[in-house]
Amino acid sequence: MSTLSAFSEKDQHYYQYQARQEYLREQRTIQHELEQATRALLQANQREQLALQEKQASQQREELALAEIEQLKSLLAKKM
């Protein structure tokens, strides 16, 4: 109650207080949005890395399959 009385007696202090509270709210909002954007970028980066790993694994499987085909071809050629 004493805080309210002080504010009502001195409008300037009240407006300074309100301005400071508004500034703090804006700063928290900016910080929150920055954190969200950072998380989104990190998630996008992780998805990109997973896609790259999947592509590399697919290429390795393809190379193994081609090597197996070549091995089978050579076995067939030896039997003929």
PDB file of N, CA and C in Angstrom:
ATOM      1  N   MET A   1       0.826  -1.187   0.000  1.00  0.00           N
ATOM      2  CA  MET A   1       0.000   0.000   0.000  1.00  0.00           C
ATOM      3  C   MET A   1       0.872   1.253   0.000  1.00  0.00           C
ATOM      4  N   SER A   2       1.972   1.206   0.718  1.00  0.00           N
ATOM      5  CA  SER A   2       2.846   2.377   0.760  1.00  0.00           C
ATOM      6  C   SER A   2       3.422   2.654  -0.627  1.00  0.00           C
ATOM      7  N   THR A   3       3.653   1.591  -1.418  1.00  0.00           N
ATOM      8  CA  THR A   3       4.159   1.781  -2.779  1.00  0.00           C
ATOM      9  C   THR A   3       3.129   2.518  -3.618  1.00  0.00           C
ATOM     10  N   LEU A   4       1.861   2.128  -3.491  1.00  0.00           N
ATOM     11  CA  LEU A   4       0.798   2.809  -4.236  1.00  0.00           C
ATOM     12  C   LEU A   4       0.655   4.261  -3.806  1.00  0.00           C
ATOM     13  N   SER A   5       0.777   4.508  -2.531  1.00  0.00           N
ATOM     14  CA  SER A   5       0.685   5.889  -2.034  1.00  0.00           C
ATOM     15  C   SER A   5       1.827   6.730  -2.594  1.00  0.00           C
ATOM     16  N   ALA A   6       3.022   6.150  -2.617  1.00  0.00           N
ATOM     17  CA  ALA A   6       4.173   6.886  -3.151  1.00  0.00           C
ATOM     18  C   ALA A   6       3.973   7.179  -4.624  1.00  0.00           C
ATOM     19  N   PHE A   7       3.425   6.229  -5.348  1.00  0.00           N
ATOM     20  CA  PHE A   7       3.179   6.451  -6.776  1.00  0.00           C
ATOM     21  C   PHE A   7       2.130   7.532  -6.999  1.00  0.00           C
ATOM     22  N   SER A   8       1.068   7.497  -6.237  1.00  0.00           N
ATOM     23  CA  SER A   8       0.023   8.492  -6.429  1.00  0.00           C
ATOM     24  C   SER A   8       0.514   9.892  -6.050  1.00  0.00           C
ATOM     25  N   GLU A   9       1.407   9.982  -5.095  1.00  0.00           N
ATOM     26  CA  GLU A   9       1.960  11.276  -4.705  1.00  0.00           C
ATOM     27  C   GLU A   9       2.932  11.800  -5.742  1.00  0.00           C
ATOM     28  N   LYS A  10       3.631  10.922  -6.392  1.00  0.00           N
ATOM     29  CA  LYS A  10       4.657  11.361  -7.339  1.00  0.00           C
ATOM     30  C   LYS A  10       4.437  10.646  -8.671  1.00  0.00           C
ATOM     31  N   ASP A  11       3.657  11.285  -9.518  1.00  0.00           N
ATOM     32  CA  ASP A  11       3.333  10.693 -10.820  1.00  0.00           C
ATOM     33  C   ASP A  11       4.577  10.385 -11.641  1.00  0.00           C
ATOM     34  N   GLN A  12       5.552  11.205 -11.547  1.00  0.00           N
ATOM     35  CA  GLN A  12       6.760  10.996 -12.341  1.00  0.00           C
ATOM     36  C   GLN A  12       7.406   9.658 -12.011  1.00  0.00           C
ATOM     37  N   HIS A  13       7.471   9.349 -10.727  1.00  0.00           N
ATOM     38  CA  HIS A  13       8.043   8.060 -10.327  1.00  0.00           C
ATOM     39  C   HIS A  13       7.197   6.903 -10.842  1.00  0.00           C
ATOM     40  N   TYR A  14       5.887   7.091 -10.803  1.00  0.00           N
ATOM     41  CA  TYR A  14       4.988   6.054 -11.295  1.00  0.00           C
ATOM     42  C   TYR A  14       5.225   5.808 -12.787  1.00  0.00           C
ATOM     43  N   TYR A  15       5.312   6.869 -13.565  1.00  0.00           N
ATOM     44  CA  TYR A  15       5.525   6.715 -15.010  1.00  0.00           C
ATOM     45  C   TYR A  15       6.899   6.116 -15.315  1.00  0.00           C
ATOM     46  N   GLN A  16       7.882   6.477 -14.509  1.00  0.00           N
ATOM     47  CA  GLN A  16       9.200   5.858 -14.681  1.00  0.00           C
ATOM     48  C   GLN A  16       9.133   4.364 -14.389  1.00  0.00           C
ATOM     49  N   TYR A  17       8.402   4.026 -13.351  1.00  0.00           N
ATOM     50  CA  TYR A  17       8.237   2.619 -13.003  1.00  0.00           C
ATOM     51  C   TYR A  17       7.538   1.861 -14.132  1.00  0.00           C
ATOM     52  N   GLN A  18       6.463   2.451 -14.648  1.00  0.00           N
ATOM     53  CA  GLN A  18       5.725   1.804 -15.740  1.00  0.00           C
ATOM     54  C   GLN A  18       6.602   1.652 -16.986  1.00  0.00           C
ATOM     55  N   ALA A  19       7.377   2.683 -17.295  1.00  0.00           N
ATOM     56  CA  ALA A  19       8.263   2.612 -18.455  1.00  0.00           C
ATOM     57  C   ALA A  19       9.299   1.511 -18.264  1.00  0.00           C
ATOM     58  N   ARG A  20       9.828   1.396 -17.080  1.00  0.00           N
ATOM     59  CA  ARG A  20      10.805   0.354 -16.796  1.00  0.00           C
ATOM     60  C   ARG A  20      10.176  -1.043 -16.912  1.00  0.00           C
ATOM     61  N   GLN A  21       8.980  -1.202 -16.407  1.00  0.00           N
ATOM     62  CA  GLN A  21       8.295  -2.488 -16.517  1.00  0.00           C
ATOM     63  C   GLN A  21       8.030  -2.848 -17.980  1.00  0.00           C
ATOM     64  N   GLU A  22       7.614  -1.872 -18.754  1.00  0.00           N
ATOM     65  CA  GLU A  22       7.372  -2.099 -20.184  1.00  0.00           C
ATOM     66  C   GLU A  22       8.676  -2.482 -20.889  1.00  0.00           C
ATOM     67  N   TYR A  23       9.752  -1.792 -20.561  1.00  0.00           N
ATOM     68  CA  TYR A  23      11.064  -2.110 -21.136  1.00  0.00           C
ATOM     69  C   TYR A  23      11.448  -3.557 -20.797  1.00  0.00           C
ATOM     70  N   LEU A  24      11.267  -3.943 -19.548  1.00  0.00           N
ATOM     71  CA  LEU A  24      11.609  -5.301 -19.131  1.00  0.00           C
ATOM     72  C   LEU A  24      10.755  -6.339 -19.860  1.00  0.00           C
ATOM     73  N   ARG A  25       9.468  -6.043 -20.040  1.00  0.00           N
ATOM     74  CA  ARG A  25       8.597  -6.962 -20.787  1.00  0.00           C
ATOM     75  C   ARG A  25       9.079  -7.097 -22.235  1.00  0.00           C
ATOM     76  N   GLU A  26       9.430  -5.993 -22.846  1.00  0.00           N
ATOM     77  CA  GLU A  26       9.927  -6.028 -24.228  1.00  0.00           C
ATOM     78  C   GLU A  26      11.215  -6.830 -24.328  1.00  0.00           C
ATOM     79  N   GLN A  27      12.100  -6.645 -23.353  1.00  0.00           N
ATOM     80  CA  GLN A  27      13.367  -7.377 -23.369  1.00  0.00           C
ATOM     81  C   GLN A  27      13.142  -8.875 -23.195  1.00  0.00           C
ATOM     82  N   ARG A  28      12.203  -9.245 -22.327  1.00  0.00           N
ATOM     83  CA  ARG A  28      11.893 -10.671 -22.152  1.00  0.00           C
ATOM     84  C   ARG A  28      11.310 -11.259 -23.439  1.00  0.00           C
ATOM     85  N   THR A  29      10.469 -10.485 -24.113  1.00  0.00           N
ATOM     86  CA  THR A  29       9.889 -10.945 -25.375  1.00  0.00           C
ATOM     87  C   THR A  29      10.967 -11.129 -26.426  1.00  0.00           C
ATOM     88  N   ILE A  30      11.861 -10.175 -26.536  1.00  0.00           N
ATOM     89  CA  ILE A  30      12.960 -10.263 -27.499  1.00  0.00           C
ATOM     90  C   ILE A  30      13.824 -11.478 -27.194  1.00  0.00           C
ATOM     91  N   GLN A  31      14.156 -11.678 -25.928  1.00  0.00           N
ATOM     92  CA  GLN A  31      14.970 -12.823 -25.522  1.00  0.00           C
ATOM     93  C   GLN A  31      14.268 -14.133 -25.853  1.00  0.00           C
ATOM     94  N   HIS A  32      12.979 -14.194 -25.573  1.00  0.00           N
ATOM     95  CA  HIS A  32      12.205 -15.402 -25.842  1.00  0.00           C
ATOM     96  C   HIS A  32      12.183 -15.703 -27.347  1.00  0.00           C
ATOM     97  N   GLU A  33      11.953 -14.686 -28.163  1.00  0.00           N
ATOM     98  CA  GLU A  33      11.929 -14.875 -29.617  1.00  0.00           C
ATOM     99  C   GLU A  33      13.302 -15.296 -30.137  1.00  0.00           C
ATOM    100  N   LEU A  34      14.345 -14.727 -29.572  1.00  0.00           N
ATOM    101  CA  LEU A  34      15.702 -15.104 -29.967  1.00  0.00           C
ATOM    102  C   LEU A  34      15.976 -16.572 -29.626  1.00  0.00           C
ATOM    103  N   GLU A  35      15.565 -16.985 -28.450  1.00  0.00           N
ATOM    104  CA  GLU A  35      15.750 -18.386 -28.050  1.00  0.00           C
ATOM    105  C   GLU A  35      14.963 -19.326 -28.954  1.00  0.00           C
ATOM    106  N   GLN A  36      13.746 -18.942 -29.318  1.00  0.00           N
ATOM    107  CA  GLN A  36      12.940 -19.766 -30.218  1.00  0.00           C
ATOM    108  C   GLN A  36      13.605 -19.881 -31.590  1.00  0.00           C
ATOM    109  N   ALA A  37      14.100 -18.768 -32.103  1.00  0.00           N
ATOM    110  CA  ALA A  37      14.760 -18.775 -33.412  1.00  0.00           C
ATOM    111  C   ALA A  37      16.024 -19.635 -33.364  1.00  0.00           C
ATOM    112  N   THR A  38      16.761 -19.548 -32.277  1.00  0.00           N
ATOM    113  CA  THR A  38      17.974 -20.361 -32.125  1.00  0.00           C
ATOM    114  C   THR A  38      17.620 -21.837 -32.096  1.00  0.00           C
ATOM    115  N   ARG A  39      16.573 -22.192 -31.339  1.00  0.00           N
ATOM    116  CA  ARG A  39      16.146 -23.594 -31.288  1.00  0.00           C
ATOM    117  C   ARG A  39      15.711 -24.082 -32.668  1.00  0.00           C
ATOM    118  N   ALA A  40      14.985 -23.250 -33.391  1.00  0.00           N
ATOM    119  CA  ALA A  40      14.519 -23.629 -34.727  1.00  0.00           C
ATOM    120  C   ALA A  40      15.705 -23.858 -35.662  1.00  0.00           C
ATOM    121  N   LEU A  41      16.706 -23.002 -35.578  1.00  0.00           N
ATOM    122  CA  LEU A  41      17.899 -23.181 -36.420  1.00  0.00           C
ATOM    123  C   LEU A  41      18.655 -24.452 -36.049  1.00  0.00           C
ATOM    124  N   LEU A  42      18.771 -24.720 -34.767  1.00  0.00           N
ATOM    125  CA  LEU A  42      19.447 -25.939 -34.329  1.00  0.00           C
ATOM    126  C   LEU A  42      18.700 -27.185 -34.795  1.00  0.00           C
ATOM    127  N   GLN A  43      17.380 -27.154 -34.713  1.00  0.00           N
ATOM    128  CA  GLN A  43      16.589 -28.291 -35.174  1.00  0.00           C
ATOM    129  C   GLN A  43      16.720 -28.472 -36.680  1.00  0.00           C
ATOM    130  N   ALA A  44      16.710 -27.377 -37.418  1.00  0.00           N
ATOM    131  CA  ALA A  44      16.872 -27.467 -38.872  1.00  0.00           C
ATOM    132  C   ALA A  44      18.241 -28.039 -39.213  1.00  0.00           C
ATOM    133  N   ASN A  45      19.255 -27.613 -38.471  1.00  0.00           N
ATOM    134  CA  ASN A  45      20.602 -28.130 -38.681  1.00  0.00           C
ATOM    135  C   ASN A  45      20.665 -29.627 -38.381  1.00  0.00           C
ATOM    136  N   GLN A  46      20.019 -30.050 -37.324  1.00  0.00           N
ATOM    137  CA  GLN A  46      20.000 -31.466 -36.970  1.00  0.00           C
ATOM    138  C   GLN A  46      19.287 -32.280 -38.046  1.00  0.00           C
ATOM    139  N   ARG A  47      18.151 -31.758 -38.556  1.00  0.00           N
ATOM    140  CA  ARG A  47      17.436 -32.459 -39.630  1.00  0.00           C
ATOM    141  C   ARG A  47      18.306 -32.569 -40.871  1.00  0.00           C
ATOM    142  N   GLU A  48      19.023 -31.503 -41.180  1.00  0.00           N
ATOM    143  CA  GLU A  48      19.904 -31.505 -42.338  1.00  0.00           C
ATOM    144  C   GLU A  48      21.021 -32.541 -42.163  1.00  0.00           C
ATOM    145  N   GLN A  49      21.592 -32.612 -40.974  1.00  0.00           N
ATOM    146  CA  GLN A  49      22.647 -33.589 -40.704  1.00  0.00           C
ATOM    147  C   GLN A  49      22.105 -35.013 -40.798  1.00  0.00           C
ATOM    148  N   LEU A  50      20.893 -35.244 -40.297  1.00  0.00           N
ATOM    149  CA  LEU A  50      20.292 -36.569 -40.396  1.00  0.00           C
ATOM    150  C   LEU A  50      20.051 -36.952 -41.849  1.00  0.00           C
ATOM    151  N   ALA A  51      19.577 -35.999 -42.643  1.00  0.00           N
ATOM    152  CA  ALA A  51      19.341 -36.264 -44.057  1.00  0.00           C
ATOM    153  C   ALA A  51      20.650 -36.607 -44.755  1.00  0.00           C
ATOM    154  N   LEU A  52      21.704 -35.896 -44.414  1.00  0.00           N
ATOM    155  CA  LEU A  52      23.014 -36.173 -45.003  1.00  0.00           C
ATOM    156  C   LEU A  52      23.507 -37.557 -44.595  1.00  0.00           C
ATOM    157  N   GLN A  53      23.335 -37.917 -43.335  1.00  0.00           N
ATOM    158  CA  GLN A  53      23.744 -39.236 -42.869  1.00  0.00           C
ATOM    159  C   GLN A  53      22.947 -40.332 -43.576  1.00  0.00           C
ATOM    160  N   GLU A  54      21.655 -40.100 -43.766  1.00  0.00           N
ATOM    161  CA  GLU A  54      20.818 -41.079 -44.464  1.00  0.00           C
ATOM    162  C   GLU A  54      21.274 -41.227 -45.914  1.00  0.00           C
ATOM    163  N   LYS A  55      21.617 -40.117 -46.544  1.00  0.00           N
ATOM    164  CA  LYS A  55      22.094 -40.157 -47.924  1.00  0.00           C
ATOM    165  C   LYS A  55      23.402 -40.939 -48.011  1.00  0.00           C
ATOM    166  N   GLN A  56      24.312 -40.690 -47.068  1.00  0.00           N
ATOM    167  CA  GLN A  56      25.585 -41.405 -47.060  1.00  0.00           C
ATOM    168  C   GLN A  56      25.373 -42.898 -46.830  1.00  0.00           C
ATOM    169  N   ALA A  57      24.464 -43.248 -45.932  1.00  0.00           N
ATOM    170  CA  ALA A  57      24.169 -44.653 -45.665  1.00  0.00           C
ATOM    171  C   ALA A  57      23.576 -45.305 -46.910  1.00  0.00           C
ATOM    172  N   SER A  58      22.716 -44.587 -47.593  1.00  0.00           N
ATOM    173  CA  SER A  58      22.118 -45.098 -48.826  1.00  0.00           C
ATOM    174  C   SER A  58      23.188 -45.331 -49.886  1.00  0.00           C
ATOM    175  N   GLN A  59      24.119 -44.402 -50.005  1.00  0.00           N
ATOM    176  CA  GLN A  59      25.210 -44.558 -50.967  1.00  0.00           C
ATOM    177  C   GLN A  59      26.081 -45.754 -50.613  1.00  0.00           C
ATOM    178  N   GLN A  60      26.335 -45.963 -49.337  1.00  0.00           N
ATOM    179  CA  GLN A  60      27.132 -47.109 -48.906  1.00  0.00           C
ATOM    180  C   GLN A  60      26.423 -48.417 -49.233  1.00  0.00           C
ATOM    181  N   ARG A  61      25.101 -48.458 -48.995  1.00  0.00           N
ATOM    182  CA  ARG A  61      24.335 -49.662 -49.316  1.00  0.00           C
ATOM    183  C   ARG A  61      24.376 -49.933 -50.819  1.00  0.00           C
ATOM    184  N   GLU A  62      24.272 -48.873 -51.601  1.00  0.00           N
ATOM    185  CA  GLU A  62      24.323 -49.013 -53.051  1.00  0.00           C
ATOM    186  C   GLU A  62      25.685 -49.549 -53.493  1.00  0.00           C
ATOM    187  N   GLU A  63      26.752 -49.002 -52.908  1.00  0.00           N
ATOM    188  CA  GLU A  63      28.097 -49.468 -53.245  1.00  0.00           C
ATOM    189  C   GLU A  63      28.289 -50.934 -52.868  1.00  0.00           C
ATOM    190  N   LEU A  64      27.776 -51.327 -51.708  1.00  0.00           N
ATOM    191  CA  LEU A  64      27.865 -52.728 -51.284  1.00  0.00           C
ATOM    192  C   LEU A  64      27.086 -53.631 -52.231  1.00  0.00           C
ATOM    193  N   ALA A  65      25.920 -53.184 -52.639  1.00  0.00           N
ATOM    194  CA  ALA A  65      25.107 -53.977 -53.563  1.00  0.00           C
ATOM    195  C   ALA A  65      25.820 -54.125 -54.900  1.00  0.00           C
ATOM    196  N   LEU A  66      26.406 -53.058 -55.395  1.00  0.00           N
ATOM    197  CA  LEU A  66      27.141 -53.125 -56.666  1.00  0.00           C
ATOM    198  C   LEU A  66      28.341 -54.055 -56.541  1.00  0.00           C
ATOM    199  N   ALA A  67      29.024 -54.005 -55.421  1.00  0.00           N
ATOM    200  CA  ALA A  67      30.166 -54.884 -55.205  1.00  0.00           C
ATOM    201  C   ALA A  67      29.714 -56.342 -55.163  1.00  0.00           C
ATOM    202  N   GLU A  68      28.582 -56.597 -54.539  1.00  0.00           N
ATOM    203  CA  GLU A  68      28.057 -57.958 -54.479  1.00  0.00           C
ATOM    204  C   GLU A  68      27.667 -58.444 -55.877  1.00  0.00           C
ATOM    205  N   ILE A  69      27.077 -57.574 -56.664  1.00  0.00           N
ATOM    206  CA  ILE A  69      26.718 -57.928 -58.040  1.00  0.00           C
ATOM    207  C   ILE A  69      27.967 -58.288 -58.831  1.00  0.00           C
ATOM    208  N   GLU A  70      29.003 -57.487 -58.682  1.00  0.00           N
ATOM    209  CA  GLU A  70      30.253 -57.768 -59.391  1.00  0.00           C
ATOM    210  C   GLU A  70      30.859 -59.093 -58.944  1.00  0.00           C
ATOM    211  N   GLN A  71      30.762 -59.366 -57.668  1.00  0.00           N
ATOM    212  CA  GLN A  71      31.291 -60.627 -57.136  1.00  0.00           C
ATOM    213  C   GLN A  71      30.499 -61.800 -57.713  1.00  0.00           C
ATOM    214  N   LEU A  72      29.184 -61.674 -57.765  1.00  0.00           N
ATOM    215  CA  LEU A  72      28.353 -62.739 -58.327  1.00  0.00           C
ATOM    216  C   LEU A  72      28.628 -62.937 -59.813  1.00  0.00           C
ATOM    217  N   LYS A  73      28.829 -61.832 -60.530  1.00  0.00           N
ATOM    218  CA  LYS A  73      29.152 -61.914 -61.955  1.00  0.00           C
ATOM    219  C   LYS A  73      30.462 -62.687 -62.166  1.00  0.00           C
ATOM    220  N   SER A  74      31.447 -62.381 -61.322  1.00  0.00           N
ATOM    221  CA  SER A  74      32.727 -63.063 -61.468  1.00  0.00           C
ATOM    222  C   SER A  74      32.601 -64.553 -61.133  1.00  0.00           C
ATOM    223  N   LEU A  75      31.778 -64.897 -60.163  1.00  0.00           N
ATOM    224  CA  LEU A  75      31.536 -66.307 -59.833  1.00  0.00           C
ATOM    225  C   LEU A  75      30.854 -67.028 -60.998  1.00  0.00           C
ATOM    226  N   LEU A  76      29.888 -66.352 -61.622  1.00  0.00           N
ATOM    227  CA  LEU A  76      29.215 -66.936 -62.772  1.00  0.00           C
ATOM    228  C   LEU A  76      30.170 -67.126 -63.945  1.00  0.00           C
ATOM    229  N   ALA A  77      31.014 -66.154 -64.137  1.00  0.00           N
ATOM    230  CA  ALA A  77      31.973 -66.222 -65.248  1.00  0.00           C
ATOM    231  C   ALA A  77      32.940 -67.385 -65.045  1.00  0.00           C
ATOM    232  N   LYS A  78      33.335 -67.646 -63.821  1.00  0.00           N
ATOM    233  CA  LYS A  78      34.253 -68.758 -63.523  1.00  0.00           C
ATOM    234  C   LYS A  78      33.585 -70.110 -63.761  1.00  0.00           C
ATOM    235  N   LYS A  79      32.271 -70.207 -63.508  1.00  0.00           N
ATOM    236  CA  LYS A  79      31.562 -71.466 -63.673  1.00  0.00           C
ATOM    237  C   LYS A  79      31.267 -71.771 -65.132  1.00  0.00           C
ATOM    238  N   MET A  80      31.290 -70.786 -65.960  1.00  0.00           N
ATOM    239  CA  MET A  80      30.982 -71.020 -67.382  1.00  0.00           C
ATOM    240  C   MET A  80      32.172 -71.352 -68.135  1.00  0.00           C
TER     241      MET A  80
END
